[in-house]
Amino acid sequence: MPVSTKEIKGRIKSVQNTKKITKAMEMVSAAKMKKAVDAAQNTRMYAARALAILDSLAEVREPECPLIQKRTVEKVLVVVMSSNKGLCGGFNANIVKKVRKVIEEKDRLLRYSGDSEFSGSQHKEMEIDVLGIGRKSVPIAKKCNMKVVAVFDDINEQPGVKDTYPISAMIQDLFVKEKYDKVVMVYNHFVSGLEQVPKVRQLLPVSSGDLHKILEEGLVSDDIKKESTLPIDCYHLEPTREDVLNTVLPMLLDAQIHHGILESAASEHSARMVAMKNAGEVAGEMQEELTQMYNKARQAAITQEIAEIAGGAAALE
């Protein structure tokens, strides 16, 4: 059944409106992406310094410092960083794939970063729960058949370190009370406007091996990597080593979570910008196809009218 020109015209108008919306969303995402990328890059130096301090403090093995204690891994908390909104391409899909990969590779969860031996039993069923950051973390957890402990979906688009305090406090409380033996974070690391790489980072217990791995991934410049520091045992800490560790470690953990949120925000806006740009290009192609279809249908209608007039004139002769 041929489509009427009126219906095609309606489709063209609908595609034009969609194209305007996607273009507006692309421009908004581009502006937000620039601010988010600047914020993430500006915190990378601080995050690098925090990693360097954590690297030194992680070498200390004292029972008075609960955030660096290693226990048999039976319960794991996965901090999943997702978006609050959709229309951001494969941003959340990449997180789903990464979380599923984390679940499948349970042998990696059983061992701590930098350890060569397992810190748990492969024969015992491991309990893995999710602490979500962003509304989309809930469906991600459901897809992976994981229980959601808490969801933080009211974080600002440009969060400060103070915005991460409730998240960090909950994570530390769950770990110190031994409700979880290990805490890892899954987020999208911003590489460029066209590339966002999902990463898994061990948050607790503080791991020197995992920190070295992060430094090797290009988080900091070569100048910072070349810096050498004396072992922490060479320093005299005041008031006491325990007080310093219990004060500094939570602050540095806040910095790492904050850095992950900023990286995730930059990745989200860049992914949405690219998705809206692609949607706008597809809408433009559809508009051209519908315009051609409209012209053909209009031409066919005019030809038919001319033929009817000619036929009527011939019948009167």
C-alpha atoms as a PDB file:
ATOM      1  CA  MET A   1       0.000   0.000   0.000  1.00  0.00           C
ATOM      2  CA  PRO A   2       1.551   3.342  -1.057  1.00  0.00           C
ATOM      3  CA  VAL A   3       2.235   5.853   1.685  1.00  0.00           C
ATOM      4  CA  SER A   4       0.468   9.206   1.377  1.00  0.00           C
ATOM      5  CA  THR A   5       2.445  12.433   1.049  1.00  0.00           C
ATOM      6  CA  LYS A   6       0.762  13.744   4.193  1.00  0.00           C
ATOM      7  CA  GLU A   7       2.046  10.819   6.246  1.00  0.00           C
ATOM      8  CA  ILE A   8       5.570  11.177   4.813  1.00  0.00           C
ATOM      9  CA  LYS A   9       5.508  14.901   5.582  1.00  0.00           C
ATOM     10  CA  GLY A  10       4.592  14.081   9.184  1.00  0.00           C
ATOM     11  CA  ARG A  11       7.500  11.672   9.415  1.00  0.00           C
ATOM     12  CA  ILE A  12       9.905  14.291   8.056  1.00  0.00           C
ATOM     13  CA  LYS A  13       8.727  16.804  10.634  1.00  0.00           C
ATOM     14  CA  SER A  14       9.127  14.223  13.408  1.00  0.00           C
ATOM     15  CA  VAL A  15      12.687  13.404  12.290  1.00  0.00           C
ATOM     16  CA  GLN A  16      13.523  17.114  12.090  1.00  0.00           C
ATOM     17  CA  ASN A  17      12.339  17.623  15.674  1.00  0.00           C
ATOM     18  CA  THR A  18      14.361  14.617  16.818  1.00  0.00           C
ATOM     19  CA  LYS A  19      17.414  16.003  15.038  1.00  0.00           C
ATOM     20  CA  LYS A  20      17.015  19.344  16.819  1.00  0.00           C
ATOM     21  CA  ILE A  21      16.759  17.593  20.188  1.00  0.00           C
ATOM     22  CA  THR A  22      19.830  15.412  19.601  1.00  0.00           C
ATOM     23  CA  LYS A  23      21.802  18.443  18.407  1.00  0.00           C
ATOM     24  CA  ALA A  24      20.860  20.377  21.531  1.00  0.00           C
ATOM     25  CA  MET A  25      21.781  17.410  23.746  1.00  0.00           C
ATOM     26  CA  GLU A  26      25.088  17.051  21.896  1.00  0.00           C
ATOM     27  CA  MET A  27      25.963  20.690  22.548  1.00  0.00           C
ATOM     28  CA  VAL A  28      24.971  20.454  26.222  1.00  0.00           C
ATOM     29  CA  SER A  29      26.991  17.255  26.655  1.00  0.00           C
ATOM     30  CA  ALA A  30      29.989  18.848  24.935  1.00  0.00           C
ATOM     31  CA  ALA A  31      29.912  21.770  27.381  1.00  0.00           C
ATOM     32  CA  LYS A  32      29.508  19.452  30.372  1.00  0.00           C
ATOM     33  CA  MET A  33      32.214  17.143  29.063  1.00  0.00           C
ATOM     34  CA  LYS A  34      34.728  19.997  28.867  1.00  0.00           C
ATOM     35  CA  LYS A  35      34.082  20.955  32.495  1.00  0.00           C
ATOM     36  CA  ALA A  36      34.141  17.318  33.640  1.00  0.00           C
ATOM     37  CA  VAL A  37      37.367  16.563  31.746  1.00  0.00           C
ATOM     38  CA  ASP A  38      39.036  19.659  33.199  1.00  0.00           C
ATOM     39  CA  ALA A  39      37.942  18.636  36.699  1.00  0.00           C
ATOM     40  CA  ALA A  40      39.203  15.062  36.227  1.00  0.00           C
ATOM     41  CA  GLN A  41      42.528  16.168  34.793  1.00  0.00           C
ATOM     42  CA  ASN A  42      43.007  18.774  37.510  1.00  0.00           C
ATOM     43  CA  THR A  43      42.550  16.110  40.193  1.00  0.00           C
ATOM     44  CA  ARG A  44      44.898  13.609  38.563  1.00  0.00           C
ATOM     45  CA  MET A  45      47.941  15.276  40.075  1.00  0.00           C
ATOM     46  CA  TYR A  46      46.365  15.203  43.537  1.00  0.00           C
ATOM     47  CA  ALA A  47      45.227  11.614  42.981  1.00  0.00           C
ATOM     48  CA  ALA A  48      48.757  10.705  41.904  1.00  0.00           C
ATOM     49  CA  ARG A  49      50.205  12.208  45.070  1.00  0.00           C
ATOM     50  CA  ALA A  50      47.561  10.385  47.099  1.00  0.00           C
ATOM     51  CA  LEU A  51      48.535   7.124  45.404  1.00  0.00           C
ATOM     52  CA  ALA A  52      52.193   7.775  46.217  1.00  0.00           C
ATOM     53  CA  ILE A  53      51.337   8.303  49.904  1.00  0.00           C
ATOM     54  CA  LEU A  54      49.085   5.255  49.913  1.00  0.00           C
ATOM     55  CA  ASP A  55      51.889   3.284  48.331  1.00  0.00           C
ATOM     56  CA  SER A  56      54.133   4.122  51.273  1.00  0.00           C
ATOM     57  CA  LEU A  57      51.494   3.626  53.961  1.00  0.00           C
ATOM     58  CA  ALA A  58      50.374   0.327  52.476  1.00  0.00           C
ATOM     59  CA  GLU A  59      53.765  -1.147  53.346  1.00  0.00           C
ATOM     60  CA  VAL A  60      52.932  -0.844  57.025  1.00  0.00           C
ATOM     61  CA  ARG A  61      51.470  -4.004  58.501  1.00  0.00           C
ATOM     62  CA  GLU A  62      50.012  -3.278  61.899  1.00  0.00           C
ATOM     63  CA  PRO A  63      46.825  -4.702  63.448  1.00  0.00           C
ATOM     64  CA  GLU A  64      45.884  -1.223  64.712  1.00  0.00           C
ATOM     65  CA  CYS A  65      45.251  -0.030  61.152  1.00  0.00           C
ATOM     66  CA  PRO A  66      42.050  -1.753  59.985  1.00  0.00           C
ATOM     67  CA  LEU A  67      42.063  -0.273  56.469  1.00  0.00           C
ATOM     68  CA  ILE A  68      45.205  -2.189  55.495  1.00  0.00           C
ATOM     69  CA  GLN A  69      44.323  -5.510  57.117  1.00  0.00           C
ATOM     70  CA  LYS A  70      43.973  -8.523  54.822  1.00  0.00           C
ATOM     71  CA  ARG A  71      41.435 -11.194  55.659  1.00  0.00           C
ATOM     72  CA  THR A  72      40.210 -14.363  54.032  1.00  0.00           C
ATOM     73  CA  VAL A  73      38.091 -13.194  51.102  1.00  0.00           C
ATOM     74  CA  GLU A  74      34.559 -14.518  51.522  1.00  0.00           C
ATOM     75  CA  LYS A  75      32.458 -11.370  51.042  1.00  0.00           C
ATOM     76  CA  VAL A  76      33.211  -8.735  48.408  1.00  0.00           C
ATOM     77  CA  LEU A  77      31.640  -5.300  47.892  1.00  0.00           C
ATOM     78  CA  VAL A  78      31.710  -3.944  44.341  1.00  0.00           C
ATOM     79  CA  VAL A  79      31.311  -0.169  44.024  1.00  0.00           C
ATOM     80  CA  VAL A  80      29.641   0.317  40.621  1.00  0.00           C
ATOM     81  CA  MET A  81      29.804   3.799  39.096  1.00  0.00           C
ATOM     82  CA  SER A  82      27.072   4.341  36.503  1.00  0.00           C
ATOM     83  CA  SER A  83      25.011   7.233  35.133  1.00  0.00           C
ATOM     84  CA  ASN A  84      21.747   8.683  36.410  1.00  0.00           C
ATOM     85  CA  LYS A  85      20.360   9.052  32.883  1.00  0.00           C
ATOM     86  CA  GLY A  86      20.377   7.048  29.685  1.00  0.00           C
ATOM     87  CA  LEU A  87      21.146   8.031  26.086  1.00  0.00           C
ATOM     88  CA  CYS A  88      24.890   7.734  26.692  1.00  0.00           C
ATOM     89  CA  GLY A  89      25.817   5.036  24.195  1.00  0.00           C
ATOM     90  CA  GLY A  90      27.712   2.065  25.565  1.00  0.00           C
ATOM     91  CA  PHE A  91      28.728   3.787  28.806  1.00  0.00           C
ATOM     92  CA  ASN A  92      26.602   1.619  31.122  1.00  0.00           C
ATOM     93  CA  ALA A  93      26.848  -1.442  28.865  1.00  0.00           C
ATOM     94  CA  ASN A  94      30.630  -1.415  29.290  1.00  0.00           C
ATOM     95  CA  ILE A  95      30.185  -1.337  33.064  1.00  0.00           C
ATOM     96  CA  VAL A  96      27.815  -4.326  32.873  1.00  0.00           C
ATOM     97  CA  LYS A  97      30.396  -6.299  30.874  1.00  0.00           C
ATOM     98  CA  LYS A  98      33.144  -5.380  33.329  1.00  0.00           C
ATOM     99  CA  VAL A  99      31.070  -6.340  36.373  1.00  0.00           C
ATOM    100  CA  ARG A 100      30.173  -9.688  34.793  1.00  0.00           C
ATOM    101  CA  LYS A 101      33.830 -10.277  34.042  1.00  0.00           C
ATOM    102  CA  VAL A 102      34.693  -9.513  37.672  1.00  0.00           C
ATOM    103  CA  ILE A 103      32.094 -12.054  38.824  1.00  0.00           C
ATOM    104  CA  GLU A 104      33.310 -14.717  36.393  1.00  0.00           C
ATOM    105  CA  GLU A 105      36.961 -14.286  37.384  1.00  0.00           C
ATOM    106  CA  LYS A 106      36.444 -15.115  41.043  1.00  0.00           C
ATOM    107  CA  ASP A 107      40.012 -16.290  41.393  1.00  0.00           C
ATOM    108  CA  ARG A 108      41.077 -12.652  41.023  1.00  0.00           C
ATOM    109  CA  LEU A 109      38.694 -11.620  43.800  1.00  0.00           C
ATOM    110  CA  LEU A 110      40.048 -14.347  46.045  1.00  0.00           C
ATOM    111  CA  ARG A 111      43.554 -12.912  45.892  1.00  0.00           C
ATOM    112  CA  TYR A 112      44.578  -9.434  46.866  1.00  0.00           C
ATOM    113  CA  SER A 113      46.383  -7.202  44.403  1.00  0.00           C
ATOM    114  CA  GLY A 114      50.075  -7.973  44.448  1.00  0.00           C
ATOM    115  CA  ASP A 115      49.596 -11.337  46.183  1.00  0.00           C
ATOM    116  CA  SER A 116      50.642 -14.497  44.415  1.00  0.00           C
ATOM    117  CA  GLU A 117      48.627 -16.823  46.633  1.00  0.00           C
ATOM    118  CA  PHE A 118      44.883 -17.095  47.092  1.00  0.00           C
ATOM    119  CA  SER A 119      43.330 -15.478  50.157  1.00  0.00           C
ATOM    120  CA  GLY A 120      40.207 -17.578  50.183  1.00  0.00           C
ATOM    121  CA  SER A 121      38.689 -20.907  49.313  1.00  0.00           C
ATOM    122  CA  GLN A 122      37.535 -21.721  45.806  1.00  0.00           C
ATOM    123  CA  HIS A 123      35.166 -24.330  47.147  1.00  0.00           C
ATOM    124  CA  LYS A 124      33.135 -21.903  49.218  1.00  0.00           C
ATOM    125  CA  GLU A 125      30.481 -19.766  47.550  1.00  0.00           C
ATOM    126  CA  MET A 126      31.603 -16.148  47.536  1.00  0.00           C
ATOM    127  CA  GLU A 127      29.116 -13.408  48.422  1.00  0.00           C
ATOM    128  CA  ILE A 128      29.333 -10.384  46.100  1.00  0.00           C
ATOM    129  CA  ASP A 129      27.178  -7.293  46.708  1.00  0.00           C
ATOM    130  CA  VAL A 130      26.907  -3.915  44.990  1.00  0.00           C
ATOM    131  CA  LEU A 131      27.108  -0.369  46.280  1.00  0.00           C
ATOM    132  CA  GLY A 132      25.782   1.755  43.433  1.00  0.00           C
ATOM    133  CA  ILE A 133      26.699   5.282  42.438  1.00  0.00           C
ATOM    134  CA  GLY A 134      24.105   6.448  39.898  1.00  0.00           C
ATOM    135  CA  ARG A 135      20.552   5.234  39.251  1.00  0.00           C
ATOM    136  CA  LYS A 136      21.581   2.875  36.454  1.00  0.00           C
ATOM    137  CA  SER A 137      23.616   0.820  38.934  1.00  0.00           C
ATOM    138  CA  VAL A 138      20.406  -0.857  40.150  1.00  0.00           C
ATOM    139  CA  PRO A 139      19.487  -2.487  36.795  1.00  0.00           C
ATOM    140  CA  ILE A 140      23.167  -3.337  36.341  1.00  0.00           C
ATOM    141  CA  ALA A 141      23.128  -5.239  39.645  1.00  0.00           C
ATOM    142  CA  LYS A 142      19.875  -6.991  38.685  1.00  0.00           C
ATOM    143  CA  LYS A 143      21.338  -8.100  35.364  1.00  0.00           C
ATOM    144  CA  CYS A 144      24.267  -9.623  37.238  1.00  0.00           C
ATOM    145  CA  ASN A 145      22.000 -11.157  39.949  1.00  0.00           C
ATOM    146  CA  MET A 146      23.683  -9.177  42.700  1.00  0.00           C
ATOM    147  CA  LYS A 147      22.213  -7.648  45.849  1.00  0.00           C
ATOM    148  CA  VAL A 148      22.284  -3.837  46.159  1.00  0.00           C
ATOM    149  CA  VAL A 149      23.470  -2.587  49.554  1.00  0.00           C
ATOM    150  CA  ALA A 150      22.943   1.134  48.880  1.00  0.00           C
ATOM    151  CA  VAL A 151      22.543   3.563  45.974  1.00  0.00           C
ATOM    152  CA  PHE A 152      23.858   7.138  45.813  1.00  0.00           C
ATOM    153  CA  ASP A 153      22.014   8.891  42.987  1.00  0.00           C
ATOM    154  CA  ASP A 154      22.012  12.507  44.194  1.00  0.00           C
ATOM    155  CA  ILE A 155      25.639  13.426  43.477  1.00  0.00           C
ATOM    156  CA  ASN A 156      26.222  16.721  41.701  1.00  0.00           C
ATOM    157  CA  GLU A 157      27.479  16.770  38.128  1.00  0.00           C
ATOM    158  CA  GLN A 158      30.608  18.512  39.409  1.00  0.00           C
ATOM    159  CA  PRO A 159      31.057  16.865  42.806  1.00  0.00           C
ATOM    160  CA  GLY A 160      33.498  18.091  45.391  1.00  0.00           C
ATOM    161  CA  VAL A 161      35.437  15.892  47.778  1.00  0.00           C
ATOM    162  CA  LYS A 162      32.837  16.563  50.481  1.00  0.00           C
ATOM    163  CA  ASP A 163      30.147  14.975  48.281  1.00  0.00           C
ATOM    164  CA  THR A 164      32.024  11.670  48.478  1.00  0.00           C
ATOM    165  CA  TYR A 165      32.293  11.620  52.289  1.00  0.00           C
ATOM    166  CA  PRO A 166      29.035   9.649  52.869  1.00  0.00           C
ATOM    167  CA  ILE A 167      30.088   7.043  50.276  1.00  0.00           C
ATOM    168  CA  SER A 168      33.573   6.678  51.705  1.00  0.00           C
ATOM    169  CA  ALA A 169      32.267   6.568  55.275  1.00  0.00           C
ATOM    170  CA  MET A 170      29.831   3.748  54.456  1.00  0.00           C
ATOM    171  CA  ILE A 171      32.504   1.746  52.631  1.00  0.00           C
ATOM    172  CA  GLN A 172      34.959   2.117  55.508  1.00  0.00           C
ATOM    173  CA  ASP A 173      32.299   1.215  58.076  1.00  0.00           C
ATOM    174  CA  LEU A 174      31.315  -1.957  56.212  1.00  0.00           C
ATOM    175  CA  PHE A 175      34.954  -2.991  55.852  1.00  0.00           C
ATOM    176  CA  VAL A 176      36.020  -2.210  59.427  1.00  0.00           C
ATOM    177  CA  LYS A 177      32.999  -4.093  60.839  1.00  0.00           C
ATOM    178  CA  GLU A 178      34.139  -7.072  58.710  1.00  0.00           C
ATOM    179  CA  LYS A 179      30.885  -7.243  56.774  1.00  0.00           C
ATOM    180  CA  TYR A 180      33.071  -7.352  53.653  1.00  0.00           C
ATOM    181  CA  ASP A 181      36.613  -8.612  53.304  1.00  0.00           C
ATOM    182  CA  LYS A 182      37.445  -6.755  50.116  1.00  0.00           C
ATOM    183  CA  VAL A 183      36.127  -3.653  48.314  1.00  0.00           C
ATOM    184  CA  VAL A 184      36.689  -2.998  44.603  1.00  0.00           C
ATOM    185  CA  MET A 185      35.522  -0.133  42.398  1.00  0.00           C
ATOM    186  CA  VAL A 186      34.335  -0.462  38.780  1.00  0.00           C
ATOM    187  CA  TYR A 187      34.257   2.745  36.746  1.00  0.00           C
ATOM    188  CA  ASN A 188      34.960   4.163  33.286  1.00  0.00           C
ATOM    189  CA  HIS A 189      38.383   5.752  32.946  1.00  0.00           C
ATOM    190  CA  PHE A 190      38.404   8.740  30.572  1.00  0.00           C
ATOM    191  CA  VAL A 191      41.035   8.426  27.825  1.00  0.00           C
ATOM    192  CA  SER A 192      39.616  10.691  25.112  1.00  0.00           C
ATOM    193  CA  GLY A 193      36.309  11.890  23.717  1.00  0.00           C
ATOM    194  CA  LEU A 194      36.049   8.674  21.702  1.00  0.00           C
ATOM    195  CA  GLU A 195      37.501   6.212  24.205  1.00  0.00           C
ATOM    196  CA  GLN A 196      36.471   5.326  27.728  1.00  0.00           C
ATOM    197  CA  VAL A 197      38.012   2.227  29.295  1.00  0.00           C
ATOM    198  CA  PRO A 198      36.248   0.367  32.148  1.00  0.00           C
ATOM    199  CA  LYS A 199      38.616  -0.238  35.063  1.00  0.00           C
ATOM    200  CA  VAL A 200      38.590  -2.264  38.275  1.00  0.00           C
ATOM    201  CA  ARG A 201      40.432  -0.786  41.246  1.00  0.00           C
ATOM    202  CA  GLN A 202      40.895  -2.331  44.680  1.00  0.00           C
ATOM    203  CA  LEU A 203      39.911   0.208  47.323  1.00  0.00           C
ATOM    204  CA  LEU A 204      40.186  -1.827  50.529  1.00  0.00           C
ATOM    205  CA  PRO A 205      42.340  -3.105  51.951  1.00  0.00           C
ATOM    206  CA  VAL A 206      44.899  -0.580  50.726  1.00  0.00           C
ATOM    207  CA  SER A 207      47.128  -2.449  48.294  1.00  0.00           C
ATOM    208  CA  SER A 208      50.630  -1.440  47.259  1.00  0.00           C
ATOM    209  CA  GLY A 209      50.561  -3.806  44.268  1.00  0.00           C
ATOM    210  CA  ASP A 210      47.333  -2.331  42.911  1.00  0.00           C
ATOM    211  CA  LEU A 211      48.663   1.206  43.334  1.00  0.00           C
ATOM    212  CA  HIS A 212      51.756   0.390  41.309  1.00  0.00           C
ATOM    213  CA  LYS A 213      49.517  -0.997  38.583  1.00  0.00           C
ATOM    214  CA  ILE A 214      47.479   2.209  38.497  1.00  0.00           C
ATOM    215  CA  LEU A 215      50.636   4.301  38.232  1.00  0.00           C
ATOM    216  CA  GLU A 216      51.788   2.179  35.290  1.00  0.00           C
ATOM    217  CA  GLU A 217      48.490   2.770  33.463  1.00  0.00           C
ATOM    218  CA  GLY A 218      49.509   6.337  32.746  1.00  0.00           C
ATOM    219  CA  LEU A 219      47.716   8.176  35.519  1.00  0.00           C
ATOM    220  CA  VAL A 220      50.775  10.302  36.250  1.00  0.00           C
ATOM    221  CA  SER A 221      53.688  11.696  34.314  1.00  0.00           C
ATOM    222  CA  ASP A 222      57.109  10.071  34.091  1.00  0.00           C
ATOM    223  CA  ASP A 223      58.592  12.784  36.329  1.00  0.00           C
ATOM    224  CA  ILE A 224      56.365  11.743  39.218  1.00  0.00           C
ATOM    225  CA  LYS A 225      57.041   8.057  38.597  1.00  0.00           C
ATOM    226  CA  LYS A 226      60.775   8.665  38.832  1.00  0.00           C
ATOM    227  CA  GLU A 227      60.515  10.284  42.250  1.00  0.00           C
ATOM    228  CA  SER A 228      62.026   8.140  44.978  1.00  0.00           C
ATOM    229  CA  THR A 229      61.020   8.259  48.615  1.00  0.00           C
ATOM    230  CA  LEU A 230      62.516   6.672  51.668  1.00  0.00           C
ATOM    231  CA  PRO A 231      60.680   3.773  53.337  1.00  0.00           C
ATOM    232  CA  ILE A 232      58.103   4.853  55.858  1.00  0.00           C
ATOM    233  CA  ASP A 233      60.115   3.206  58.645  1.00  0.00           C
ATOM    234  CA  CYS A 234      62.755   5.925  58.147  1.00  0.00           C
ATOM    235  CA  TYR A 235      60.343   8.614  59.323  1.00  0.00           C
ATOM    236  CA  HIS A 236      59.336   9.572  62.842  1.00  0.00           C
ATOM    237  CA  LEU A 237      55.557  10.013  62.892  1.00  0.00           C
ATOM    238  CA  GLU A 238      53.789  12.245  65.401  1.00  0.00           C
ATOM    239  CA  PRO A 239      51.688  12.009  67.484  1.00  0.00           C
ATOM    240  CA  THR A 240      51.808   8.241  66.836  1.00  0.00           C
ATOM    241  CA  ARG A 241      51.977   6.046  63.756  1.00  0.00           C
ATOM    242  CA  GLU A 242      48.525   4.677  64.534  1.00  0.00           C
ATOM    243  CA  ASP A 243      46.973   8.163  64.731  1.00  0.00           C
ATOM    244  CA  VAL A 244      48.618   9.245  61.474  1.00  0.00           C
ATOM    245  CA  LEU A 245      47.483   6.159  59.587  1.00  0.00           C
ATOM    246  CA  ASN A 246      43.930   6.271  60.931  1.00  0.00           C
ATOM    247  CA  THR A 247      43.688   9.939  59.909  1.00  0.00           C
ATOM    248  CA  VAL A 248      45.467   9.913  56.551  1.00  0.00           C
ATOM    249  CA  LEU A 249      44.176   6.646  55.080  1.00  0.00           C
ATOM    250  CA  PRO A 250      40.460   7.658  55.148  1.00  0.00           C
ATOM    251  CA  MET A 251      41.303  11.039  53.606  1.00  0.00           C
ATOM    252  CA  LEU A 252      43.274   9.443  50.794  1.00  0.00           C
ATOM    253  CA  LEU A 253      40.504   6.903  50.229  1.00  0.00           C
ATOM    254  CA  ASP A 254      38.102   9.852  49.841  1.00  0.00           C
ATOM    255  CA  ALA A 255      40.428  11.251  47.190  1.00  0.00           C
ATOM    256  CA  GLN A 256      40.488   7.991  45.222  1.00  0.00           C
ATOM    257  CA  ILE A 257      36.691   7.646  45.241  1.00  0.00           C
ATOM    258  CA  HIS A 258      36.315  11.295  44.253  1.00  0.00           C
ATOM    259  CA  HIS A 259      38.778  10.818  41.412  1.00  0.00           C
ATOM    260  CA  GLY A 260      36.861   7.759  40.179  1.00  0.00           C
ATOM    261  CA  ILE A 261      33.590   9.714  40.187  1.00  0.00           C
ATOM    262  CA  LEU A 262      35.152  12.535  38.160  1.00  0.00           C
ATOM    263  CA  GLU A 263      36.624  10.087  35.646  1.00  0.00           C
ATOM    264  CA  SER A 264      33.229   8.421  35.340  1.00  0.00           C
ATOM    265  CA  ALA A 265      31.470  11.780  34.859  1.00  0.00           C
ATOM    266  CA  ALA A 266      33.884  12.810  32.105  1.00  0.00           C
ATOM    267  CA  SER A 267      33.395   9.441  30.403  1.00  0.00           C
ATOM    268  CA  GLU A 268      29.601   9.700  30.673  1.00  0.00           C
ATOM    269  CA  HIS A 269      29.373  13.159  29.075  1.00  0.00           C
ATOM    270  CA  SER A 270      31.785  12.260  26.285  1.00  0.00           C
ATOM    271  CA  ALA A 271      29.878   9.032  25.570  1.00  0.00           C
ATOM    272  CA  ARG A 272      26.567  10.934  25.500  1.00  0.00           C
ATOM    273  CA  MET A 273      28.026  13.598  23.204  1.00  0.00           C
ATOM    274  CA  VAL A 274      29.207  10.962  20.720  1.00  0.00           C
ATOM    275  CA  ALA A 275      25.898   9.085  20.962  1.00  0.00           C
ATOM    276  CA  MET A 276      23.870  12.235  20.277  1.00  0.00           C
ATOM    277  CA  LYS A 277      26.171  13.177  17.397  1.00  0.00           C
ATOM    278  CA  ASN A 278      25.662   9.745  15.829  1.00  0.00           C
ATOM    279  CA  ALA A 279      21.900   9.993  16.417  1.00  0.00           C
ATOM    280  CA  GLY A 280      21.840  13.404  14.715  1.00  0.00           C
ATOM    281  CA  GLU A 281      23.709  12.021  11.701  1.00  0.00           C
ATOM    282  CA  VAL A 282      21.285   9.097  11.435  1.00  0.00           C
ATOM    283  CA  ALA A 283      18.349  11.516  11.688  1.00  0.00           C
ATOM    284  CA  GLY A 284      19.838  13.557   8.851  1.00  0.00           C
ATOM    285  CA  GLU A 285      20.132  10.464   6.671  1.00  0.00           C
ATOM    286  CA  MET A 286      16.538   9.495   7.458  1.00  0.00           C
ATOM    287  CA  GLN A 287      15.401  13.004   6.595  1.00  0.00           C
ATOM    288  CA  GLU A 288      17.081  12.790   3.182  1.00  0.00           C
ATOM    289  CA  GLU A 289      15.522   9.387   2.478  1.00  0.00           C
ATOM    290  CA  LEU A 290      12.072  10.573   3.530  1.00  0.00           C
ATOM    291  CA  THR A 291      12.441  13.729   1.425  1.00  0.00           C
ATOM    292  CA  GLN A 292      13.258  11.645  -1.630  1.00  0.00           C
ATOM    293  CA  MET A 293      10.303   9.377  -0.851  1.00  0.00           C
ATOM    294  CA  TYR A 294       8.069  12.433  -0.469  1.00  0.00           C
ATOM    295  CA  ASN A 295       9.203  13.881  -3.810  1.00  0.00           C
ATOM    296  CA  LYS A 296       8.596  10.564  -5.578  1.00  0.00           C
ATOM    297  CA  ALA A 297       5.147  10.197  -4.030  1.00  0.00           C
ATOM    298  CA  ARG A 298       4.276  13.806  -4.918  1.00  0.00           C
ATOM    299  CA  GLN A 299       5.539  13.330  -8.480  1.00  0.00           C
ATOM    300  CA  ALA A 300       3.513  10.124  -8.819  1.00  0.00           C
ATOM    301  CA  ALA A 301       0.386  11.929  -7.587  1.00  0.00           C
ATOM    302  CA  ILE A 302       0.904  14.791 -10.071  1.00  0.00           C
ATOM    303  CA  THR A 303       1.484  12.309 -12.927  1.00  0.00           C
ATOM    304  CA  GLN A 304      -1.681  10.455 -12.003  1.00  0.00           C
ATOM    305  CA  GLU A 305      -3.697  13.695 -11.952  1.00  0.00           C
ATOM    306  CA  ILE A 306      -2.353  14.692 -15.382  1.00  0.00           C
ATOM    307  CA  ALA A 307      -3.229  11.238 -16.729  1.00  0.00           C
ATOM    308  CA  GLU A 308      -6.773  11.510 -15.341  1.00  0.00           C
ATOM    309  CA  ILE A 309      -7.247  14.966 -16.871  1.00  0.00           C
ATOM    310  CA  ALA A 310      -5.914  13.762 -20.207  1.00  0.00           C
ATOM    311  CA  GLY A 311      -8.171  10.710 -20.075  1.00  0.00           C
ATOM    312  CA  GLY A 312     -11.217  12.821 -19.230  1.00  0.00           C
ATOM    313  CA  ALA A 313     -10.474  15.225 -22.085  1.00  0.00           C
ATOM    314  CA  ALA A 314     -10.132  12.330 -24.513  1.00  0.00           C
ATOM    315  CA  ALA A 315     -13.461  10.901 -23.373  1.00  0.00           C
ATOM    316  CA  LEU A 316     -15.263  14.199 -24.128  1.00  0.00           C
ATOM    317  CA  GLU A 317     -14.056  14.241 -27.749  1.00  0.00           C
END
